[in-house]
Amino acid sequence: MDAQLELHSIRSELSALYKRLPWSAEPLPGWTHTKDGGRYFETKRPDSPGWTDEEKQQVNDLRARQMELVNHIFVHAFWASCTDPVTARSALKHVPAPDAAPTRDG
């Protein structure tokens, strides 16, 4: 359960990091697409300065830890002892963090 809870935490941290980072890891010019240009939606992106070396390292470190945890959970010997590993794995994925707010169900 500890590995699953850490995995939730790492995924949350990675998601928050992506939201703070520029849209492109490499410097790229922005764009504006309008419906007049034959597009169904109008889209707009500012120029991206790219990610710094520190930001790239943060992403790489979080991704690496995420993969370690996924591998640890996936190959854990516990699953061989389960009569229904699919249901057990699903239940593990939904274990709330100890400090999580209670849901409406309880």
C-alpha atoms as a PDB file:
ATOM      1  CA  MET A   1       0.000   0.000   0.000  1.00  0.00           C
ATOM      2  CA  ASP A   2       2.897   2.350   0.714  1.00  0.00           C
ATOM      3  CA  ALA A   3       4.155   2.037  -2.869  1.00  0.00           C
ATOM      4  CA  GLN A   4       0.667   2.726  -4.253  1.00  0.00           C
ATOM      5  CA  LEU A   5       0.260   5.803  -2.053  1.00  0.00           C
ATOM      6  CA  GLU A   6       3.677   7.071  -3.117  1.00  0.00           C
ATOM      7  CA  LEU A   7       2.711   6.437  -6.745  1.00  0.00           C
ATOM      8  CA  HIS A   8      -0.398   8.601  -6.297  1.00  0.00           C
ATOM      9  CA  SER A   9       1.803  11.306  -4.785  1.00  0.00           C
ATOM     10  CA  ILE A  10       4.397  11.138  -7.580  1.00  0.00           C
ATOM     11  CA  ARG A  11       1.705  11.292 -10.271  1.00  0.00           C
ATOM     12  CA  SER A  12       0.132  14.294  -8.570  1.00  0.00           C
ATOM     13  CA  GLU A  13       3.493  16.035  -8.265  1.00  0.00           C
ATOM     14  CA  LEU A  14       4.306  15.315 -11.919  1.00  0.00           C
ATOM     15  CA  SER A  15       0.923  16.631 -13.035  1.00  0.00           C
ATOM     16  CA  ALA A  16       1.397  19.845 -11.038  1.00  0.00           C
ATOM     17  CA  LEU A  17       4.884  20.267 -12.506  1.00  0.00           C
ATOM     18  CA  TYR A  18       3.577  19.874 -16.075  1.00  0.00           C
ATOM     19  CA  LYS A  19       0.985  22.586 -15.401  1.00  0.00           C
ATOM     20  CA  ARG A  20       3.728  25.018 -14.320  1.00  0.00           C
ATOM     21  CA  LEU A  21       6.078  24.276 -17.198  1.00  0.00           C
ATOM     22  CA  PRO A  22       5.979  25.870 -20.655  1.00  0.00           C
ATOM     23  CA  TRP A  23       3.936  23.888 -23.167  1.00  0.00           C
ATOM     24  CA  SER A  24       7.047  22.690 -25.044  1.00  0.00           C
ATOM     25  CA  ALA A  25      10.192  21.161 -23.573  1.00  0.00           C
ATOM     26  CA  GLU A  26      12.205  22.790 -26.371  1.00  0.00           C
ATOM     27  CA  PRO A  27      12.023  26.456 -27.422  1.00  0.00           C
ATOM     28  CA  LEU A  28       9.341  26.779 -30.094  1.00  0.00           C
ATOM     29  CA  PRO A  29       7.363  29.648 -31.582  1.00  0.00           C
ATOM     30  CA  GLY A  30       3.724  30.013 -30.615  1.00  0.00           C
ATOM     31  CA  TRP A  31       0.783  30.045 -32.998  1.00  0.00           C
ATOM     32  CA  THR A  32      -2.776  31.129 -33.541  1.00  0.00           C
ATOM     33  CA  HIS A  33      -5.222  29.006 -35.530  1.00  0.00           C
ATOM     34  CA  THR A  34      -8.587  30.515 -36.365  1.00  0.00           C
ATOM     35  CA  LYS A  35     -11.793  29.080 -37.739  1.00  0.00           C
ATOM     36  CA  ASP A  36     -11.249  31.302 -40.772  1.00  0.00           C
ATOM     37  CA  GLY A  37      -8.207  29.176 -41.589  1.00  0.00           C
ATOM     38  CA  GLY A  38     -10.389  26.082 -41.915  1.00  0.00           C
ATOM     39  CA  ARG A  39      -9.941  24.903 -38.340  1.00  0.00           C
ATOM     40  CA  TYR A  40     -12.869  23.616 -36.309  1.00  0.00           C
ATOM     41  CA  PHE A  41     -11.574  25.212 -33.095  1.00  0.00           C
ATOM     42  CA  GLU A  42      -9.619  28.362 -32.514  1.00  0.00           C
ATOM     43  CA  THR A  43      -6.352  27.623 -30.728  1.00  0.00           C
ATOM     44  CA  LYS A  44      -3.567  29.826 -29.508  1.00  0.00           C
ATOM     45  CA  ARG A  45      -0.185  29.111 -27.921  1.00  0.00           C
ATOM     46  CA  PRO A  46       2.380  31.665 -26.805  1.00  0.00           C
ATOM     47  CA  ASP A  47       6.061  31.244 -27.639  1.00  0.00           C
ATOM     48  CA  SER A  48       7.637  28.554 -25.485  1.00  0.00           C
ATOM     49  CA  PRO A  49      11.031  29.287 -23.974  1.00  0.00           C
ATOM     50  CA  GLY A  50      11.476  25.553 -23.380  1.00  0.00           C
ATOM     51  CA  TRP A  51      12.355  23.870 -20.122  1.00  0.00           C
ATOM     52  CA  THR A  52      15.473  24.615 -18.149  1.00  0.00           C
ATOM     53  CA  ASP A  53      17.961  21.831 -17.461  1.00  0.00           C
ATOM     54  CA  GLU A  54      16.720  21.788 -13.862  1.00  0.00           C
ATOM     55  CA  GLU A  55      13.095  21.406 -14.979  1.00  0.00           C
ATOM     56  CA  LYS A  56      14.050  18.605 -17.377  1.00  0.00           C
ATOM     57  CA  GLN A  57      15.877  16.850 -14.535  1.00  0.00           C
ATOM     58  CA  GLN A  58      12.853  17.209 -12.234  1.00  0.00           C
ATOM     59  CA  VAL A  59      10.603  15.632 -14.869  1.00  0.00           C
ATOM     60  CA  ASN A  60      13.096  12.836 -15.536  1.00  0.00           C
ATOM     61  CA  ASP A  61      13.501  12.099 -11.810  1.00  0.00           C
ATOM     62  CA  LEU A  62       9.746  11.964 -11.214  1.00  0.00           C
ATOM     63  CA  ARG A  63       9.159   9.796 -14.289  1.00  0.00           C
ATOM     64  CA  ALA A  64      11.928   7.416 -13.226  1.00  0.00           C
ATOM     65  CA  ARG A  65      10.501   7.102  -9.708  1.00  0.00           C
ATOM     66  CA  GLN A  66       7.030   6.569 -11.154  1.00  0.00           C
ATOM     67  CA  MET A  67       8.319   3.696 -13.302  1.00  0.00           C
ATOM     68  CA  GLU A  68      10.141   2.146 -10.322  1.00  0.00           C
ATOM     69  CA  LEU A  69       6.945   2.200  -8.286  1.00  0.00           C
ATOM     70  CA  VAL A  70       4.807   0.828 -11.114  1.00  0.00           C
ATOM     71  CA  ASN A  71       7.269  -2.013 -11.613  1.00  0.00           C
ATOM     72  CA  HIS A  72       7.449  -2.723  -7.878  1.00  0.00           C
ATOM     73  CA  ILE A  73       3.669  -2.880  -7.579  1.00  0.00           C
ATOM     74  CA  PHE A  74       3.140  -4.856 -10.789  1.00  0.00           C
ATOM     75  CA  VAL A  75       5.583  -7.660 -10.021  1.00  0.00           C
ATOM     76  CA  HIS A  76       4.978  -7.876  -6.274  1.00  0.00           C
ATOM     77  CA  ALA A  77       4.650 -11.460  -5.016  1.00  0.00           C
ATOM     78  CA  PHE A  78       1.365 -10.611  -3.284  1.00  0.00           C
ATOM     79  CA  TRP A  79      -0.560 -10.831  -6.576  1.00  0.00           C
ATOM     80  CA  ALA A  80       0.310 -14.539  -6.931  1.00  0.00           C
ATOM     81  CA  SER A  81      -1.396 -15.243  -3.601  1.00  0.00           C
ATOM     82  CA  CYS A  82      -4.700 -13.613  -4.628  1.00  0.00           C
ATOM     83  CA  THR A  83      -7.627 -15.635  -5.906  1.00  0.00           C
ATOM     84  CA  ASP A  84      -8.812 -12.552  -7.816  1.00  0.00           C
ATOM     85  CA  PRO A  85      -5.785 -10.330  -8.476  1.00  0.00           C
ATOM     86  CA  VAL A  86      -7.708  -8.013 -10.820  1.00  0.00           C
ATOM     87  CA  THR A  87     -10.210  -7.063  -8.115  1.00  0.00           C
ATOM     88  CA  ALA A  88      -7.444  -6.802  -5.506  1.00  0.00           C
ATOM     89  CA  ARG A  89      -5.361  -4.551  -7.771  1.00  0.00           C
ATOM     90  CA  SER A  90      -8.371  -2.355  -8.473  1.00  0.00           C
ATOM     91  CA  ALA A  91      -9.030  -2.011  -4.747  1.00  0.00           C
ATOM     92  CA  LEU A  92      -5.399  -1.048  -4.150  1.00  0.00           C
ATOM     93  CA  LYS A  93      -5.583   1.687  -6.782  1.00  0.00           C
ATOM     94  CA  HIS A  94      -8.483   3.274  -4.904  1.00  0.00           C
ATOM     95  CA  VAL A  95      -6.995   3.234  -1.403  1.00  0.00           C
ATOM     96  CA  PRO A  96      -7.181   6.849  -0.173  1.00  0.00           C
ATOM     97  CA  ALA A  97      -4.187   8.591   1.319  1.00  0.00           C
ATOM     98  CA  PRO A  98      -4.274   8.718   5.143  1.00  0.00           C
ATOM     99  CA  ASP A  99      -4.599  12.505   5.061  1.00  0.00           C
ATOM    100  CA  ALA A 100      -7.208  12.544   2.272  1.00  0.00           C
ATOM    101  CA  ALA A 101     -10.534  14.215   2.919  1.00  0.00           C
ATOM    102  CA  PRO A 102     -13.410  11.785   3.473  1.00  0.00           C
ATOM    103  CA  THR A 103     -15.627  11.116   0.478  1.00  0.00           C
ATOM    104  CA  ARG A 104     -19.378  11.528   0.425  1.00  0.00           C
ATOM    105  CA  ASP A 105     -19.663   7.743   0.871  1.00  0.00           C
ATOM    106  CA  GLY A 106     -17.994   7.829   4.235  1.00  0.00           C
END
